[in-house]
Amino acid sequence: MKNIFSIFKNTNSSKDIKPSSEIINGRISYKFSNGLECWQEELNLAQDEQLLEIAMSFDIENVSLETSSIKSVIDMLLKENSLIRFLDIVLCRPVSPSQEQAAVELQDDMELFKSLKNSELYNVVNDFFSLNPTVTDWFKTIGKGLTSTQTTRST
């Protein structure tokens, strides 16, 4: 856990993060190997609020870098499909004409999210921080707080 947050703690500038492809009109577009086509752009307030809801659902009060195993941290991150929910918030798709059709497409996309290659997922996350440098600062602050405590060999 300490190493995860130290990435952000030791980053000198948000400019260190490079997008995976050219940003056109504020967007990075994707055509994934599984056929899913979408794009990502800078977050808006509604997306900020949705991501905060995910973050607030984590039971971090009971997580200590001193006593928690990597398994308990992973269990916390997988709780309620948090990664899938993150992707659904940050990856945009064309809007369907009807709510019914949109619900079907969302379910199909959720299955497609699960089949993304690790390298594709890495690019989405990297691009997320490239497009949203202020979020990087949030993680730096969290990282400093979490890594400022004394650690043991188990952490």
N, C-alpha and C. Protein backbone atom coordinates (compact mmCIF):
# COMPACT_ATOMS: atom_id res chain seq x y z
N MET A 1 0.83 -1.18 0.00
CA MET A 1 0.00 0.00 0.00
C MET A 1 0.88 1.25 0.00
N LYS A 2 1.90 1.25 0.82
CA LYS A 2 2.79 2.40 0.89
C LYS A 2 3.39 2.69 -0.47
N ASN A 3 3.80 1.65 -1.21
CA ASN A 3 4.40 1.85 -2.52
C ASN A 3 3.42 2.42 -3.52
N ILE A 4 2.16 2.05 -3.42
CA ILE A 4 1.15 2.58 -4.33
C ILE A 4 1.06 4.09 -4.18
N PHE A 5 0.93 4.57 -2.94
CA PHE A 5 0.76 6.00 -2.72
C PHE A 5 2.08 6.76 -2.86
N SER A 6 3.21 6.07 -2.71
CA SER A 6 4.48 6.77 -2.87
C SER A 6 4.71 7.19 -4.31
N ILE A 7 4.04 6.55 -5.26
CA ILE A 7 4.12 6.98 -6.66
C ILE A 7 3.67 8.43 -6.77
N PHE A 8 2.56 8.75 -6.10
CA PHE A 8 2.03 10.10 -6.16
C PHE A 8 2.83 11.03 -5.25
N LYS A 9 3.29 10.53 -4.13
CA LYS A 9 4.04 11.34 -3.18
C LYS A 9 5.34 11.82 -3.80
N ASN A 10 5.99 10.97 -4.60
CA ASN A 10 7.29 11.30 -5.15
C ASN A 10 7.23 11.96 -6.52
N THR A 11 6.05 12.13 -7.06
CA THR A 11 5.93 12.78 -8.36
C THR A 11 6.15 14.27 -8.18
N ASN A 12 7.09 14.82 -8.94
CA ASN A 12 7.41 16.23 -8.81
C ASN A 12 6.35 17.13 -9.39
N SER A 13 5.68 16.70 -10.43
CA SER A 13 4.73 17.55 -11.11
C SER A 13 3.71 16.70 -11.83
N SER A 14 2.49 17.23 -11.93
CA SER A 14 1.48 16.50 -12.68
C SER A 14 1.83 16.44 -14.15
N LYS A 15 2.78 17.25 -14.61
CA LYS A 15 3.20 17.22 -16.00
C LYS A 15 4.02 15.98 -16.33
N ASP A 16 4.42 15.22 -15.29
CA ASP A 16 5.18 13.99 -15.51
C ASP A 16 4.33 12.91 -16.16
N ILE A 17 3.02 13.01 -16.04
CA ILE A 17 2.11 12.00 -16.56
C ILE A 17 1.78 12.34 -18.00
N LYS A 18 2.08 11.42 -18.90
CA LYS A 18 1.86 11.64 -20.33
C LYS A 18 0.64 10.83 -20.78
N PRO A 19 -0.22 11.43 -21.61
CA PRO A 19 -1.38 10.69 -22.12
C PRO A 19 -0.96 9.58 -23.07
N SER A 20 -1.82 8.57 -23.19
CA SER A 20 -1.50 7.41 -24.04
C SER A 20 -1.64 7.74 -25.53
N SER A 21 -2.40 8.76 -25.86
CA SER A 21 -2.54 9.17 -27.26
C SER A 21 -2.85 10.66 -27.30
N GLU A 22 -2.96 11.20 -28.49
CA GLU A 22 -3.18 12.64 -28.65
C GLU A 22 -4.54 13.06 -28.08
N ILE A 23 -4.52 14.18 -27.39
CA ILE A 23 -5.76 14.75 -26.86
C ILE A 23 -6.33 15.65 -27.94
N ILE A 24 -7.54 15.32 -28.41
CA ILE A 24 -8.21 16.09 -29.46
C ILE A 24 -9.50 16.66 -28.88
N ASN A 25 -9.63 17.98 -28.94
CA ASN A 25 -10.81 18.68 -28.37
C ASN A 25 -11.03 18.30 -26.91
N GLY A 26 -9.94 18.15 -26.16
CA GLY A 26 -10.03 17.84 -24.74
C GLY A 26 -10.35 16.39 -24.43
N ARG A 27 -10.35 15.52 -25.44
CA ARG A 27 -10.71 14.12 -25.25
C ARG A 27 -9.60 13.18 -25.69
N ILE A 28 -9.54 12.04 -25.04
CA ILE A 28 -8.74 10.92 -25.51
C ILE A 28 -9.73 9.82 -25.87
N SER A 29 -9.68 9.40 -27.12
CA SER A 29 -10.62 8.38 -27.61
C SER A 29 -9.98 7.00 -27.56
N TYR A 30 -10.83 5.99 -27.35
CA TYR A 30 -10.37 4.61 -27.27
C TYR A 30 -11.20 3.72 -28.18
N LYS A 31 -10.53 2.78 -28.79
CA LYS A 31 -11.19 1.65 -29.45
C LYS A 31 -10.46 0.43 -28.90
N PHE A 32 -11.08 -0.22 -27.92
CA PHE A 32 -10.44 -1.32 -27.22
C PHE A 32 -10.49 -2.60 -28.04
N SER A 33 -9.63 -3.54 -27.69
CA SER A 33 -9.54 -4.81 -28.42
C SER A 33 -10.84 -5.61 -28.36
N ASN A 34 -11.67 -5.36 -27.35
CA ASN A 34 -12.94 -6.09 -27.24
C ASN A 34 -14.09 -5.41 -28.00
N GLY A 35 -13.78 -4.32 -28.75
CA GLY A 35 -14.78 -3.65 -29.56
C GLY A 35 -15.42 -2.42 -28.92
N LEU A 36 -15.21 -2.22 -27.64
CA LEU A 36 -15.79 -1.07 -26.95
C LEU A 36 -15.12 0.22 -27.44
N GLU A 37 -15.95 1.19 -27.81
CA GLU A 37 -15.46 2.50 -28.23
C GLU A 37 -16.00 3.55 -27.27
N CYS A 38 -15.11 4.38 -26.74
CA CYS A 38 -15.52 5.43 -25.81
C CYS A 38 -14.43 6.49 -25.76
N TRP A 39 -14.63 7.47 -24.91
CA TRP A 39 -13.62 8.51 -24.75
C TRP A 39 -13.59 8.94 -23.29
N GLN A 40 -12.56 9.72 -22.98
CA GLN A 40 -12.37 10.24 -21.65
C GLN A 40 -11.98 11.70 -21.79
N GLU A 41 -12.45 12.54 -20.88
CA GLU A 41 -12.08 13.94 -20.87
C GLU A 41 -11.98 14.41 -19.42
N GLU A 42 -11.67 15.68 -19.24
CA GLU A 42 -11.56 16.21 -17.88
C GLU A 42 -12.88 16.00 -17.15
N LEU A 43 -12.78 15.67 -15.86
CA LEU A 43 -13.98 15.43 -15.06
C LEU A 43 -14.83 16.69 -14.94
N ASN A 44 -16.13 16.47 -14.78
CA ASN A 44 -17.02 17.58 -14.44
C ASN A 44 -17.49 17.38 -13.00
N LEU A 45 -18.25 18.32 -12.48
CA LEU A 45 -18.68 18.26 -11.08
C LEU A 45 -19.50 17.01 -10.78
N ALA A 46 -20.37 16.62 -11.69
CA ALA A 46 -21.18 15.42 -11.46
C ALA A 46 -20.29 14.18 -11.33
N GLN A 47 -19.27 14.08 -12.18
CA GLN A 47 -18.34 12.95 -12.10
C GLN A 47 -17.54 13.00 -10.80
N ASP A 48 -17.10 14.21 -10.39
CA ASP A 48 -16.41 14.36 -9.11
C ASP A 48 -17.25 13.79 -7.98
N GLU A 49 -18.52 14.16 -7.96
CA GLU A 49 -19.41 13.69 -6.91
C GLU A 49 -19.59 12.18 -6.94
N GLN A 50 -19.71 11.61 -8.15
CA GLN A 50 -19.86 10.16 -8.27
C GLN A 50 -18.60 9.45 -7.78
N LEU A 51 -17.43 9.96 -8.12
CA LEU A 51 -16.18 9.34 -7.66
C LEU A 51 -16.03 9.47 -6.15
N LEU A 52 -16.46 10.61 -5.60
CA LEU A 52 -16.41 10.77 -4.14
C LEU A 52 -17.33 9.77 -3.45
N GLU A 53 -18.49 9.47 -4.06
CA GLU A 53 -19.38 8.47 -3.49
C GLU A 53 -18.68 7.11 -3.42
N ILE A 54 -17.94 6.76 -4.46
CA ILE A 54 -17.20 5.50 -4.44
C ILE A 54 -16.16 5.53 -3.33
N ALA A 55 -15.39 6.62 -3.26
CA ALA A 55 -14.35 6.74 -2.25
C ALA A 55 -14.92 6.67 -0.84
N MET A 56 -16.07 7.30 -0.65
CA MET A 56 -16.70 7.30 0.68
C MET A 56 -17.25 5.94 1.06
N SER A 57 -17.46 5.06 0.08
CA SER A 57 -17.98 3.73 0.39
C SER A 57 -16.90 2.81 0.96
N PHE A 58 -15.63 3.21 0.84
CA PHE A 58 -14.55 2.39 1.38
C PHE A 58 -14.49 2.56 2.89
N ASP A 59 -14.30 1.46 3.58
CA ASP A 59 -14.20 1.47 5.04
C ASP A 59 -12.73 1.65 5.43
N ILE A 60 -12.18 2.86 5.18
CA ILE A 60 -10.76 3.07 5.42
C ILE A 60 -10.43 3.30 6.89
N GLU A 61 -11.44 3.56 7.72
CA GLU A 61 -11.19 3.73 9.14
C GLU A 61 -10.63 2.45 9.75
N ASN A 62 -11.01 1.32 9.21
CA ASN A 62 -10.54 0.04 9.74
C ASN A 62 -9.32 -0.49 9.00
N VAL A 63 -8.74 0.32 8.09
CA VAL A 63 -7.55 -0.09 7.36
C VAL A 63 -6.36 0.64 7.93
N SER A 64 -5.39 -0.12 8.35
CA SER A 64 -4.16 0.43 8.88
C SER A 64 -3.00 -0.15 8.09
N LEU A 65 -2.09 0.70 7.69
CA LEU A 65 -0.92 0.20 6.97
C LEU A 65 -0.10 -0.74 7.86
N GLU A 66 -0.27 -0.61 9.16
CA GLU A 66 0.47 -1.45 10.10
C GLU A 66 -0.09 -2.86 10.18
N THR A 67 -1.42 -2.99 10.09
CA THR A 67 -2.04 -4.29 10.36
C THR A 67 -2.76 -4.93 9.18
N SER A 68 -3.09 -4.17 8.17
CA SER A 68 -3.88 -4.71 7.06
C SER A 68 -3.02 -5.48 6.08
N SER A 69 -3.58 -6.58 5.62
CA SER A 69 -2.90 -7.36 4.59
C SER A 69 -3.28 -6.80 3.23
N ILE A 70 -2.50 -7.11 2.24
CA ILE A 70 -2.81 -6.68 0.87
C ILE A 70 -4.16 -7.25 0.45
N LYS A 71 -4.49 -8.45 0.94
CA LYS A 71 -5.78 -9.05 0.60
C LYS A 71 -6.93 -8.19 1.09
N SER A 72 -6.85 -7.67 2.31
CA SER A 72 -7.96 -6.85 2.81
C SER A 72 -8.08 -5.54 2.03
N VAL A 73 -6.96 -4.99 1.58
CA VAL A 73 -7.00 -3.77 0.77
C VAL A 73 -7.63 -4.06 -0.59
N ILE A 74 -7.24 -5.18 -1.20
CA ILE A 74 -7.82 -5.57 -2.49
C ILE A 74 -9.31 -5.86 -2.33
N ASP A 75 -9.68 -6.57 -1.26
CA ASP A 75 -11.10 -6.83 -1.01
C ASP A 75 -11.88 -5.52 -0.93
N MET A 76 -11.30 -4.51 -0.27
CA MET A 76 -11.96 -3.22 -0.14
C MET A 76 -12.13 -2.58 -1.53
N LEU A 77 -11.11 -2.65 -2.37
CA LEU A 77 -11.19 -2.04 -3.70
C LEU A 77 -12.17 -2.76 -4.61
N LEU A 78 -12.31 -4.08 -4.44
CA LEU A 78 -13.23 -4.85 -5.27
C LEU A 78 -14.68 -4.78 -4.79
N LYS A 79 -14.85 -4.28 -3.58
CA LYS A 79 -16.19 -4.18 -2.99
C LYS A 79 -17.13 -3.44 -3.94
N GLU A 80 -18.26 -4.05 -4.22
CA GLU A 80 -19.30 -3.45 -5.04
C GLU A 80 -18.78 -3.02 -6.42
N ASN A 81 -17.85 -3.75 -6.99
CA ASN A 81 -17.34 -3.46 -8.33
C ASN A 81 -16.84 -2.03 -8.47
N SER A 82 -16.06 -1.55 -7.52
CA SER A 82 -15.60 -0.17 -7.52
C SER A 82 -14.83 0.19 -8.79
N LEU A 83 -14.01 -0.71 -9.29
CA LEU A 83 -13.25 -0.41 -10.50
C LEU A 83 -14.18 -0.28 -11.70
N ILE A 84 -15.16 -1.17 -11.80
CA ILE A 84 -16.14 -1.10 -12.89
C ILE A 84 -16.93 0.21 -12.78
N ARG A 85 -17.32 0.58 -11.57
CA ARG A 85 -18.06 1.83 -11.37
C ARG A 85 -17.19 3.02 -11.76
N PHE A 86 -15.90 2.98 -11.43
CA PHE A 86 -14.96 4.04 -11.82
C PHE A 86 -14.93 4.17 -13.34
N LEU A 87 -14.78 3.05 -14.04
CA LEU A 87 -14.73 3.08 -15.50
C LEU A 87 -16.03 3.62 -16.08
N ASP A 88 -17.16 3.24 -15.50
CA ASP A 88 -18.44 3.71 -16.00
C ASP A 88 -18.57 5.23 -15.84
N ILE A 89 -17.95 5.79 -14.84
CA ILE A 89 -18.01 7.23 -14.62
C ILE A 89 -17.07 7.99 -15.55
N VAL A 90 -15.85 7.51 -15.71
CA VAL A 90 -14.86 8.30 -16.47
C VAL A 90 -14.85 8.02 -17.96
N LEU A 91 -15.33 6.86 -18.40
CA LEU A 91 -15.35 6.56 -19.83
C LEU A 91 -16.74 6.91 -20.38
N CYS A 92 -16.75 7.81 -21.33
CA CYS A 92 -18.00 8.29 -21.92
C CYS A 92 -18.32 7.54 -23.20
N ARG A 93 -19.61 7.33 -23.42
CA ARG A 93 -20.09 6.66 -24.62
C ARG A 93 -21.22 7.50 -25.21
N PRO A 94 -21.49 7.34 -26.50
CA PRO A 94 -22.62 8.08 -27.09
C PRO A 94 -23.91 7.75 -26.34
N VAL A 95 -24.76 8.74 -26.18
CA VAL A 95 -26.02 8.58 -25.46
C VAL A 95 -27.05 7.92 -26.36
N SER A 96 -27.74 6.94 -25.82
CA SER A 96 -28.79 6.24 -26.57
C SER A 96 -30.08 7.06 -26.56
N PRO A 97 -30.91 6.86 -27.58
CA PRO A 97 -32.15 7.63 -27.67
C PRO A 97 -33.14 7.32 -26.55
N SER A 98 -33.18 6.11 -26.04
CA SER A 98 -34.15 5.77 -25.00
C SER A 98 -33.43 5.27 -23.75
N GLN A 99 -34.09 5.47 -22.59
CA GLN A 99 -33.53 5.00 -21.32
C GLN A 99 -33.41 3.48 -21.33
N GLU A 100 -34.39 2.81 -21.90
CA GLU A 100 -34.38 1.35 -21.96
C GLU A 100 -33.17 0.85 -22.74
N GLN A 101 -32.91 1.44 -23.89
CA GLN A 101 -31.76 1.05 -24.71
C GLN A 101 -30.46 1.40 -23.98
N ALA A 102 -30.43 2.54 -23.29
CA ALA A 102 -29.23 2.95 -22.56
C ALA A 102 -28.91 1.94 -21.46
N ALA A 103 -29.94 1.42 -20.77
CA ALA A 103 -29.72 0.44 -19.70
C ALA A 103 -29.14 -0.85 -20.27
N VAL A 104 -29.62 -1.29 -21.43
CA VAL A 104 -29.10 -2.49 -22.07
C VAL A 104 -27.64 -2.27 -22.47
N GLU A 105 -27.35 -1.11 -23.07
CA GLU A 105 -25.99 -0.81 -23.49
C GLU A 105 -25.05 -0.72 -22.29
N LEU A 106 -25.53 -0.13 -21.19
CA LEU A 106 -24.69 -0.03 -19.99
C LEU A 106 -24.33 -1.42 -19.48
N GLN A 107 -25.30 -2.33 -19.43
CA GLN A 107 -25.00 -3.69 -18.98
C GLN A 107 -24.00 -4.38 -19.90
N ASP A 108 -24.17 -4.19 -21.21
CA ASP A 108 -23.21 -4.74 -22.17
C ASP A 108 -21.82 -4.14 -21.96
N ASP A 109 -21.76 -2.82 -21.75
CA ASP A 109 -20.47 -2.16 -21.54
C ASP A 109 -19.81 -2.65 -20.25
N MET A 110 -20.61 -2.90 -19.21
CA MET A 110 -20.05 -3.39 -17.95
C MET A 110 -19.33 -4.72 -18.19
N GLU A 111 -19.92 -5.59 -18.99
CA GLU A 111 -19.26 -6.85 -19.32
C GLU A 111 -18.00 -6.60 -20.15
N LEU A 112 -18.07 -5.63 -21.05
CA LEU A 112 -16.89 -5.29 -21.85
C LEU A 112 -15.78 -4.72 -20.97
N PHE A 113 -16.14 -3.90 -19.96
CA PHE A 113 -15.12 -3.37 -19.04
C PHE A 113 -14.33 -4.51 -18.41
N LYS A 114 -15.03 -5.58 -18.06
CA LYS A 114 -14.37 -6.70 -17.40
C LYS A 114 -13.41 -7.43 -18.32
N SER A 115 -13.55 -7.25 -19.63
CA SER A 115 -12.65 -7.94 -20.56
C SER A 115 -11.55 -7.03 -21.11
N LEU A 116 -11.40 -5.83 -20.54
CA LEU A 116 -10.30 -4.96 -20.97
C LEU A 116 -8.97 -5.60 -20.62
N LYS A 117 -8.01 -5.45 -21.49
CA LYS A 117 -6.65 -5.93 -21.24
C LYS A 117 -6.00 -5.04 -20.17
N ASN A 118 -5.07 -5.60 -19.42
CA ASN A 118 -4.40 -4.81 -18.39
C ASN A 118 -3.71 -3.58 -18.97
N SER A 119 -3.11 -3.71 -20.15
CA SER A 119 -2.45 -2.56 -20.76
C SER A 119 -3.45 -1.47 -21.12
N GLU A 120 -4.66 -1.87 -21.54
CA GLU A 120 -5.70 -0.89 -21.86
C GLU A 120 -6.17 -0.19 -20.59
N LEU A 121 -6.36 -0.96 -19.54
CA LEU A 121 -6.76 -0.40 -18.25
C LEU A 121 -5.70 0.56 -17.73
N TYR A 122 -4.43 0.18 -17.89
CA TYR A 122 -3.33 1.04 -17.47
C TYR A 122 -3.42 2.39 -18.20
N ASN A 123 -3.67 2.36 -19.52
CA ASN A 123 -3.77 3.60 -20.29
C ASN A 123 -4.94 4.46 -19.82
N VAL A 124 -6.08 3.84 -19.52
CA VAL A 124 -7.25 4.59 -19.05
C VAL A 124 -6.91 5.30 -17.74
N VAL A 125 -6.29 4.59 -16.81
CA VAL A 125 -5.96 5.18 -15.51
C VAL A 125 -4.91 6.27 -15.69
N ASN A 126 -3.88 6.01 -16.47
CA ASN A 126 -2.85 7.00 -16.72
C ASN A 126 -3.45 8.25 -17.38
N ASP A 127 -4.32 8.04 -18.36
CA ASP A 127 -4.97 9.17 -19.03
C ASP A 127 -5.87 9.94 -18.08
N PHE A 128 -6.51 9.23 -17.16
CA PHE A 128 -7.35 9.87 -16.15
C PHE A 128 -6.54 10.92 -15.40
N PHE A 129 -5.33 10.55 -14.96
CA PHE A 129 -4.51 11.49 -14.21
C PHE A 129 -3.92 12.56 -15.11
N SER A 130 -3.67 12.23 -16.37
CA SER A 130 -3.18 13.22 -17.32
C SER A 130 -4.22 14.30 -17.58
N LEU A 131 -5.47 13.89 -17.71
CA LEU A 131 -6.56 14.83 -17.98
C LEU A 131 -7.04 15.56 -16.73
N ASN A 132 -6.75 15.02 -15.55
CA ASN A 132 -7.23 15.56 -14.28
C ASN A 132 -6.08 15.74 -13.29
N PRO A 133 -5.18 16.68 -13.56
CA PRO A 133 -4.00 16.83 -12.70
C PRO A 133 -4.34 17.18 -11.25
N THR A 134 -5.48 17.83 -11.00
CA THR A 134 -5.84 18.15 -9.62
C THR A 134 -6.13 16.89 -8.81
N VAL A 135 -6.62 15.85 -9.47
CA VAL A 135 -6.88 14.59 -8.78
C VAL A 135 -5.56 13.98 -8.32
N THR A 136 -4.52 14.15 -9.13
CA THR A 136 -3.19 13.69 -8.74
C THR A 136 -2.78 14.34 -7.43
N ASP A 137 -3.07 15.62 -7.29
CA ASP A 137 -2.74 16.33 -6.05
C ASP A 137 -3.51 15.75 -4.86
N TRP A 138 -4.78 15.36 -5.10
CA TRP A 138 -5.55 14.72 -4.02
C TRP A 138 -4.85 13.45 -3.56
N PHE A 139 -4.41 12.62 -4.53
CA PHE A 139 -3.75 11.37 -4.18
C PHE A 139 -2.39 11.62 -3.52
N LYS A 140 -1.70 12.65 -3.92
CA LYS A 140 -0.43 13.00 -3.28
C LYS A 140 -0.67 13.31 -1.81
N THR A 141 -1.72 14.06 -1.54
CA THR A 141 -2.05 14.41 -0.16
C THR A 141 -2.40 13.17 0.65
N ILE A 142 -3.23 12.30 0.07
CA ILE A 142 -3.59 11.05 0.74
C ILE A 142 -2.34 10.20 0.96
N GLY A 143 -1.50 10.11 -0.06
CA GLY A 143 -0.27 9.32 0.03
C GLY A 143 0.66 9.83 1.12
N LYS A 144 0.82 11.13 1.20
CA LYS A 144 1.67 11.70 2.24
C LYS A 144 1.14 11.35 3.63
N GLY A 145 -0.18 11.45 3.76
CA GLY A 145 -0.79 11.12 5.05
C GLY A 145 -0.63 9.66 5.41
N LEU A 146 -0.84 8.78 4.45
CA LEU A 146 -0.75 7.35 4.72
C LEU A 146 0.69 6.88 4.90
N THR A 147 1.62 7.47 4.18
CA THR A 147 3.01 7.01 4.25
C THR A 147 3.82 7.74 5.30
N SER A 148 3.22 8.73 5.96
CA SER A 148 3.98 9.43 6.99
C SER A 148 4.01 8.66 8.30
N THR A 149 3.15 7.65 8.43
CA THR A 149 3.17 6.83 9.63
C THR A 149 4.32 5.83 9.55
N GLN A 150 4.80 5.45 10.69
CA GLN A 150 5.90 4.48 10.73
C GLN A 150 5.39 3.13 10.23
N THR A 151 6.17 2.49 9.40
CA THR A 151 5.74 1.22 8.84
C THR A 151 6.58 0.07 9.38
N THR A 152 6.04 -1.13 9.20
CA THR A 152 6.74 -2.34 9.61
C THR A 152 7.12 -3.12 8.38
N ARG A 153 7.83 -4.23 8.55
CA ARG A 153 8.21 -5.08 7.40
C ARG A 153 6.99 -5.59 6.67
N SER A 154 5.89 -5.83 7.39
CA SER A 154 4.70 -6.38 6.75
C SER A 154 4.01 -5.39 5.83
N THR A 155 4.21 -4.07 6.04
CA THR A 155 3.59 -3.09 5.16
C THR A 155 4.42 -2.94 3.92
